Amino acid sequence: MTRTNELKYTSVEICAGAGGQAVGLHNAGFKHLALIEIDKDACQTLRDNTARNPEWEACKVIEADLREFDHADLGLRPGELDLLAGGVPCPPFSAAGKQLGRDDERDLFPTMLGLIDHLEPKAVMIENVRGLLDPKFKEYREEILKRLESMGYEPCYWDILEAKDYGVPQLRPRAILVAMKPRYARYFEHHKPVENTLVTVGAALHDSMRERYDAVADDPRAEAAFKRWYDKALEGVAPTVVGGSKKHGGADLGPTRAKRAWADLGVCALGVANEPEDMKDPERDLFAAKGPKLTVTQAALIQGFPDKWKFAGRKTAAYRQVGNAFPPPVAQAVGNQIYAAFEAEAKARLA
């Protein structure tokens, strides 16, 4: 995943997590001024990956509860910011939860709308689970759109984007809202991929899994175990990677249905493996009856992260950051369209 656009437009991101959306928007040509996140491990991940990187030198990582955050701390004048983006918490709208919507204390849409009102960015991008577009939330969505329109924004689209259509080896539908000031919205073009090459789990993880089995090459089972996994993993894309809740125990790859889907791809979903350099139990990590378990690094590859992006914290905390992330390639695709609208407006203005 490479960056093709010049880092020309500024962005601030809320609920930044471990940086999935940030990586994608950076690759689309957005220069982050701030990444705001409440989780300390995720903030450390952001710092570790952006510090001392000249392309991220303008970026501040701010560890804060968004509901208590003072927008004045950003030091931005109204209308100065190009893009305000963020993935507001998903549980209020997730089919896996109670879908309390506005009645869920974790709903940060009002907070996000307040920030938009104060900062008056040229464009807004909000990401959430597909459940937000269910009929039961129609009235709430209409209220959000009316609020945006009252602040001078034109909704460009609110649609479901499927990660596998953007080269991510995973089924991960997300609801994406883009709104822009009218002078830019008139140039915005929303289009989904018409043709795409499906990236399978086998293709995405071949090299990393090969490395793991090579580390135990003296075990006579290694080559056959790798081949069994690879033959199955070439069959398709992964189910949705989930991060889980801090209220529960160690990490695994999801509920019963997801575990069955992982088994069909040759992966044991009953836990997360240690990285090769930390592997203590090959029987658990590589030779389980249902196949190898994934490492955090491999789960990140399934999410579309670049392999150089590293995650802070212990294994379970790191895995949860990965599972809760927005796939960078999808964020990059949306960011490219916003960037193109800015460029088209500038060209028309100078003509």
Protein backbone atom coordinates (compact mmCIF):
# COMPACT_ATOMS: atom_id res chain seq x y z
CA MET A 1 0.00 0.00 0.00
CA THR A 2 1.81 3.10 -1.23
CA ARG A 3 1.13 6.81 -1.07
CA THR A 4 0.72 8.45 -4.46
CA ASN A 5 -0.59 11.90 -3.48
CA GLU A 6 1.42 14.78 -2.07
CA LEU A 7 0.82 15.44 1.64
CA LYS A 8 -1.11 18.56 0.83
CA TYR A 9 -4.27 18.69 2.95
CA THR A 10 -4.60 18.66 6.74
CA SER A 11 -6.62 16.29 8.86
CA VAL A 12 -7.58 15.65 12.46
CA GLU A 13 -8.90 12.27 13.52
CA ILE A 14 -10.99 11.34 16.55
CA CYS A 15 -11.25 7.82 18.02
CA ALA A 16 -8.10 7.06 16.08
CA GLY A 17 -7.54 3.63 17.63
CA ALA A 18 -4.36 1.96 16.42
CA GLY A 19 -4.23 4.06 13.25
CA GLY A 20 -6.01 2.10 10.52
CA GLN A 21 -7.88 5.10 9.20
CA ALA A 22 -4.86 7.34 9.84
CA VAL A 23 -2.60 5.13 7.72
CA GLY A 24 -5.13 5.07 4.90
CA LEU A 25 -5.72 8.82 4.90
CA HIS A 26 -1.99 9.48 5.14
CA ASN A 27 -1.51 7.34 2.04
CA ALA A 28 -4.25 9.34 0.33
CA GLY A 29 -2.25 12.54 0.91
CA PHE A 30 -3.58 13.91 4.20
CA LYS A 31 -1.17 15.42 6.71
CA HIS A 32 -2.40 14.60 10.20
CA LEU A 33 -2.24 17.41 12.73
CA ALA A 34 -3.70 15.36 15.57
CA LEU A 35 -4.84 11.84 16.38
CA ILE A 36 -7.17 11.74 19.39
CA GLU A 37 -7.69 8.44 21.22
CA ILE A 38 -8.62 7.36 24.75
CA ASP A 39 -6.93 3.93 24.92
CA LYS A 40 -3.39 4.18 26.30
CA ASP A 41 -2.04 1.17 24.39
CA ALA A 42 -3.45 2.47 21.11
CA CYS A 43 -1.94 5.90 21.81
CA GLN A 44 1.43 4.25 22.36
CA THR A 45 1.02 2.42 19.06
CA LEU A 46 0.37 5.74 17.33
CA ARG A 47 3.38 7.36 18.97
CA ASP A 48 5.68 4.45 18.20
CA ASN A 49 4.78 4.51 14.51
CA THR A 50 4.72 8.27 13.92
CA ALA A 51 7.51 9.62 16.13
CA ARG A 52 10.71 10.46 14.31
CA ASN A 53 8.99 9.92 10.96
CA PRO A 54 9.33 13.17 8.98
CA GLU A 55 6.08 12.53 7.10
CA TRP A 56 4.21 12.57 10.44
CA GLU A 57 6.18 15.38 12.09
CA ALA A 58 3.15 17.67 12.32
CA CYS A 59 1.06 15.04 14.10
CA LYS A 60 0.24 15.20 17.80
CA VAL A 61 -1.07 12.07 19.52
CA ILE A 62 -3.57 13.22 22.13
CA GLU A 63 -4.69 10.73 24.79
CA ALA A 64 -8.07 12.03 25.87
CA ASP A 65 -11.71 11.22 26.44
CA LEU A 66 -13.36 12.95 23.50
CA ARG A 67 -16.31 14.02 25.66
CA GLU A 68 -13.92 16.04 27.81
CA PHE A 69 -11.65 17.26 25.01
CA ASP A 70 -11.36 20.99 24.41
CA HIS A 71 -11.16 21.71 20.67
CA ALA A 72 -9.20 24.87 21.48
CA ASP A 73 -6.23 22.62 22.33
CA LEU A 74 -5.84 21.98 18.59
CA GLY A 75 -5.02 25.63 17.98
CA LEU A 76 -7.05 25.71 14.75
CA ARG A 77 -9.16 28.60 13.52
CA PRO A 78 -12.67 27.79 12.23
CA GLY A 79 -12.45 26.75 8.59
CA GLU A 80 -8.68 26.16 8.68
CA LEU A 81 -8.85 22.35 8.82
CA ASP A 82 -9.35 20.41 5.58
CA LEU A 83 -10.68 17.08 6.93
CA LEU A 84 -12.13 15.95 10.23
CA ALA A 85 -12.39 12.15 10.30
CA GLY A 86 -13.12 9.46 12.81
CA GLY A 87 -14.71 6.15 13.62
CA VAL A 88 -17.13 6.91 16.43
CA PRO A 89 -17.73 3.93 18.75
CA CYS A 90 -19.54 1.06 17.07
CA PRO A 91 -21.30 -0.79 19.96
CA PRO A 92 -24.37 1.50 19.98
CA PHE A 93 -25.19 0.31 16.46
CA SER A 94 -23.61 -3.15 16.25
CA ALA A 95 -25.81 -6.17 15.62
CA ALA A 96 -23.61 -7.99 18.14
CA GLY A 97 -24.84 -5.66 20.89
CA LYS A 98 -28.13 -4.23 22.12
CA GLN A 99 -28.28 -1.54 19.40
CA LEU A 100 -29.28 1.20 21.80
CA GLY A 101 -28.19 3.93 19.38
CA ARG A 102 -28.60 7.39 20.84
CA ASP A 103 -29.49 5.87 24.22
CA ASP A 104 -26.10 4.21 24.52
CA GLU A 105 -23.68 6.26 26.63
CA ARG A 106 -20.91 5.37 24.17
CA ASP A 107 -22.63 7.19 21.29
CA LEU A 108 -20.24 9.98 20.30
CA PHE A 109 -22.10 11.30 17.26
CA PRO A 110 -23.26 14.37 19.23
CA THR A 111 -19.65 15.02 20.30
CA MET A 112 -18.41 14.64 16.72
CA LEU A 113 -21.10 17.02 15.48
CA GLY A 114 -20.04 19.53 18.14
CA LEU A 115 -16.46 19.36 16.92
CA ILE A 116 -17.60 19.91 13.34
CA ASP A 117 -19.55 22.95 14.47
CA HIS A 118 -16.49 24.42 16.20
CA LEU A 119 -13.79 23.53 13.66
CA GLU A 120 -15.81 24.01 10.45
CA PRO A 121 -13.60 21.65 8.42
CA LYS A 122 -13.96 21.59 4.66
CA ALA A 123 -14.82 17.89 4.72
CA VAL A 124 -16.05 15.29 7.20
CA MET A 125 -15.62 11.51 7.10
CA ILE A 126 -17.29 9.28 9.69
CA GLU A 127 -16.91 5.49 9.83
CA ASN A 128 -19.09 3.00 11.70
CA VAL A 129 -20.55 -0.50 11.54
CA ARG A 130 -23.06 -1.39 8.84
CA GLY A 131 -25.77 -1.70 11.52
CA LEU A 132 -26.00 2.09 11.62
CA LEU A 133 -27.72 1.93 8.23
CA ASP A 134 -30.40 -0.47 9.50
CA PRO A 135 -34.01 0.77 9.22
CA LYS A 136 -34.30 1.11 13.02
CA PHE A 137 -31.79 4.00 12.94
CA LYS A 138 -33.37 5.84 9.99
CA GLU A 139 -34.71 8.68 12.15
CA TYR A 140 -31.36 9.10 13.90
CA ARG A 141 -29.50 9.21 10.57
CA GLU A 142 -31.91 11.83 9.28
CA GLU A 143 -31.27 13.96 12.37
CA ILE A 144 -27.51 13.73 11.82
CA LEU A 145 -27.84 14.71 8.16
CA LYS A 146 -30.11 17.65 9.02
CA ARG A 147 -27.61 18.83 11.61
CA LEU A 148 -24.81 18.66 9.06
CA GLU A 149 -26.89 20.57 6.52
CA SER A 150 -27.70 23.23 9.12
CA MET A 151 -23.95 23.70 9.60
CA GLY A 152 -23.44 24.26 5.89
CA TYR A 153 -22.45 20.76 4.73
CA GLU A 154 -23.70 18.79 1.78
CA PRO A 155 -23.82 15.02 2.35
CA CYS A 156 -21.93 13.28 -0.45
CA TYR A 157 -22.96 9.76 0.51
CA TRP A 158 -23.68 7.43 3.40
CA ASP A 159 -23.02 3.96 2.11
CA ILE A 160 -21.69 0.54 2.99
CA LEU A 161 -18.22 -0.26 1.69
CA GLU A 162 -17.03 -3.87 1.76
CA ALA A 163 -13.35 -4.29 2.62
CA LYS A 164 -12.77 -7.27 0.31
CA ASP A 165 -13.61 -5.04 -2.66
CA TYR A 166 -10.55 -2.94 -1.83
CA GLY A 167 -7.95 -5.69 -1.71
CA VAL A 168 -8.44 -6.52 1.98
CA PRO A 169 -8.58 -10.31 2.54
CA GLN A 170 -11.58 -10.03 4.85
CA LEU A 171 -15.34 -9.61 4.91
CA ARG A 172 -15.71 -6.29 6.72
CA PRO A 173 -18.62 -4.06 5.66
CA ARG A 174 -18.46 -0.53 7.09
CA ALA A 175 -20.87 2.38 6.93
CA ILE A 176 -19.07 5.49 5.65
CA LEU A 177 -20.45 9.02 5.72
CA VAL A 178 -18.77 11.78 3.72
CA ALA A 179 -19.98 15.39 3.81
CA MET A 180 -18.29 18.48 2.40
CA LYS A 181 -18.82 22.19 2.10
CA PRO A 182 -20.85 22.73 -1.10
CA ARG A 183 -17.96 24.31 -3.02
CA TYR A 184 -16.09 20.99 -2.72
CA ALA A 185 -19.06 18.61 -2.69
CA ARG A 186 -19.92 19.57 -6.26
CA TYR A 187 -16.66 17.94 -7.36
CA PHE A 188 -16.91 14.83 -5.20
CA GLU A 189 -17.33 11.56 -7.08
CA HIS A 190 -18.37 8.47 -5.15
CA HIS A 191 -17.62 5.23 -6.91
CA LYS A 192 -17.02 1.70 -5.71
CA PRO A 193 -14.59 -0.68 -7.41
CA VAL A 194 -16.20 -2.18 -10.51
CA GLU A 195 -13.64 -4.92 -10.95
CA ASN A 196 -11.27 -6.12 -8.29
CA THR A 197 -8.91 -9.00 -7.73
CA LEU A 198 -9.87 -10.86 -4.59
CA VAL A 199 -6.96 -11.21 -2.18
CA THR A 200 -7.25 -14.51 -0.32
CA VAL A 201 -6.02 -15.27 3.17
CA GLY A 202 -3.45 -17.60 1.63
CA ALA A 203 -2.05 -14.88 -0.61
CA ALA A 204 -1.96 -12.32 2.21
CA LEU A 205 -0.29 -14.58 4.77
CA HIS A 206 1.88 -16.89 2.66
CA ASP A 207 5.21 -15.24 3.46
CA SER A 208 4.57 -14.70 7.16
CA MET A 209 3.21 -18.23 7.65
CA ARG A 210 6.12 -19.67 5.70
CA GLU A 211 8.48 -17.86 8.05
CA ARG A 212 6.71 -19.28 11.10
CA TYR A 213 6.91 -22.87 9.87
CA ASP A 214 10.51 -22.41 8.74
CA ALA A 215 11.33 -21.52 12.34
CA VAL A 216 10.36 -25.09 13.32
CA ALA A 217 11.68 -26.78 10.17
CA ASP A 218 13.35 -29.47 12.25
CA ASP A 219 9.88 -30.78 13.16
CA PRO A 220 8.95 -33.43 10.56
CA ARG A 221 5.32 -32.21 10.58
CA ALA A 222 6.15 -28.64 9.56
CA GLU A 223 6.05 -28.87 5.77
CA ALA A 224 2.85 -30.90 5.63
CA ALA A 225 1.17 -28.61 8.16
CA PHE A 226 2.10 -25.53 6.12
CA LYS A 227 0.77 -27.10 2.92
CA ARG A 228 -2.52 -28.12 4.60
CA TRP A 229 -3.03 -24.57 5.81
CA TYR A 230 -2.06 -22.97 2.51
CA ASP A 231 -4.35 -25.15 0.37
CA LYS A 232 -7.32 -24.20 2.54
CA ALA A 233 -6.33 -20.53 2.93
CA LEU A 234 -6.35 -20.02 -0.84
CA GLU A 235 -10.08 -20.73 -0.85
CA GLY A 236 -11.26 -17.28 0.17
CA VAL A 237 -11.24 -14.26 2.46
CA ALA A 238 -11.49 -14.17 6.23
CA PRO A 239 -14.57 -13.47 8.31
CA THR A 240 -14.63 -10.14 10.12
CA VAL A 241 -11.72 -9.77 12.53
CA VAL A 242 -13.13 -8.66 15.87
CA GLY A 243 -11.38 -6.97 18.75
CA GLY A 244 -13.64 -8.03 21.57
CA SER A 245 -14.29 -6.27 24.83
CA LYS A 246 -11.93 -5.46 27.69
CA LYS A 247 -14.59 -6.95 29.98
CA HIS A 248 -13.85 -10.42 28.65
CA GLY A 249 -10.78 -12.65 28.81
CA GLY A 250 -8.07 -13.37 26.29
CA ALA A 251 -8.34 -12.75 22.58
CA ASP A 252 -9.70 -15.15 20.00
CA LEU A 253 -10.94 -14.73 16.44
CA GLY A 254 -14.63 -14.31 17.09
CA PRO A 255 -17.92 -16.09 17.79
CA THR A 256 -18.80 -19.66 16.84
CA ARG A 257 -19.76 -18.92 13.23
CA ALA A 258 -16.54 -17.00 12.67
CA LYS A 259 -14.50 -19.81 14.21
CA ARG A 260 -16.04 -22.26 11.73
CA ALA A 261 -15.21 -19.92 8.85
CA TRP A 262 -11.61 -19.66 10.06
CA ALA A 263 -11.41 -23.46 10.31
CA ASP A 264 -12.47 -23.69 6.66
CA LEU A 265 -9.43 -21.51 5.88
CA GLY A 266 -7.13 -23.77 7.85
CA VAL A 267 -6.83 -21.46 10.86
CA CYS A 268 -7.48 -22.34 14.50
CA ALA A 269 -9.47 -19.44 15.95
CA LEU A 270 -9.20 -20.49 19.60
CA GLY A 271 -6.73 -17.84 20.63
CA VAL A 272 -3.88 -15.78 19.17
CA ALA A 273 -0.35 -17.09 18.62
CA ASN A 274 2.86 -15.56 19.86
CA GLU A 275 5.13 -13.91 17.33
CA PRO A 276 7.84 -16.25 15.95
CA GLU A 277 10.57 -14.75 18.13
CA ASP A 278 8.41 -15.28 21.23
CA MET A 279 6.97 -18.71 20.42
CA LYS A 280 7.12 -21.03 23.41
CA ASP A 281 4.62 -23.73 22.42
CA PRO A 282 4.64 -24.84 18.75
CA GLU A 283 1.94 -27.40 19.54
CA ARG A 284 -0.45 -24.61 20.50
CA ASP A 285 0.58 -22.02 17.92
CA LEU A 286 1.27 -24.11 14.81
CA PHE A 287 0.14 -27.69 15.19
CA ALA A 288 -3.39 -27.48 16.60
CA ALA A 289 -5.86 -29.92 15.06
CA LYS A 290 -7.66 -27.13 13.18
CA GLY A 291 -4.48 -25.49 11.96
CA PRO A 292 -2.15 -22.68 13.04
CA LYS A 293 -3.31 -19.79 15.15
CA LEU A 294 -2.68 -16.29 13.80
CA THR A 295 -0.21 -13.89 15.33
CA VAL A 296 -1.10 -10.25 15.97
CA THR A 297 1.07 -9.31 12.98
CA GLN A 298 -0.88 -11.70 10.74
CA ALA A 299 -4.23 -10.39 11.99
CA ALA A 300 -2.98 -6.91 11.08
CA LEU A 301 -2.15 -8.11 7.55
CA ILE A 302 -5.72 -9.44 7.30
CA GLN A 303 -6.87 -5.90 8.19
CA GLY A 304 -4.70 -4.40 5.45
CA PHE A 305 -2.07 -2.79 7.69
CA PRO A 306 1.44 -2.46 6.27
CA ASP A 307 3.76 -5.01 7.88
CA LYS A 308 5.98 -2.23 9.27
CA TRP A 309 3.12 -0.89 11.48
CA LYS A 310 3.69 -2.31 14.98
CA PHE A 311 1.28 -2.55 17.90
CA ALA A 312 2.08 -1.65 21.52
CA GLY A 313 1.01 -3.50 24.64
CA ARG A 314 0.68 -7.15 25.58
CA LYS A 315 -0.63 -9.65 23.07
CA THR A 316 -4.32 -9.38 23.98
CA ALA A 317 -4.24 -5.57 24.05
CA ALA A 318 -2.39 -5.48 20.73
CA TYR A 319 -4.83 -7.91 19.11
CA ARG A 320 -7.82 -5.86 20.27
CA GLN A 321 -6.32 -2.79 18.63
CA VAL A 322 -6.04 -4.71 15.38
CA GLY A 323 -9.54 -6.18 15.61
CA ASN A 324 -11.15 -2.79 16.24
CA ALA A 325 -9.35 -1.04 13.39
CA PHE A 326 -10.64 0.36 10.10
CA PRO A 327 -8.81 -1.28 7.17
CA PRO A 328 -6.28 1.22 5.78
CA PRO A 329 -6.94 0.41 2.09
CA VAL A 330 -10.63 1.31 2.47
CA ALA A 331 -9.77 4.56 4.26
CA GLN A 332 -7.27 5.34 1.52
CA ALA A 333 -9.88 4.82 -1.20
CA VAL A 334 -12.31 7.22 0.48
CA GLY A 335 -9.49 9.66 1.20
CA ASN A 336 -8.45 9.60 -2.46
CA GLN A 337 -11.95 10.70 -3.48
CA ILE A 338 -12.00 13.55 -0.94
CA TYR A 339 -8.51 14.61 -2.05
CA ALA A 340 -9.62 14.55 -5.70
CA ALA A 341 -12.57 16.83 -4.90
CA PHE A 342 -10.24 19.33 -3.20
CA GLU A 343 -7.93 19.24 -6.19
CA ALA A 344 -10.78 19.70 -8.67
CA GLU A 345 -12.12 22.69 -6.73
CA ALA A 346 -8.69 24.29 -6.62
CA LYS A 347 -8.20 23.76 -10.34
CA ALA A 348 -11.61 25.26 -11.15
CA ARG A 349 -10.92 28.23 -8.89
CA LEU A 350 -7.66 29.00 -10.65
CA ALA A 351 -9.04 28.52 -14.17
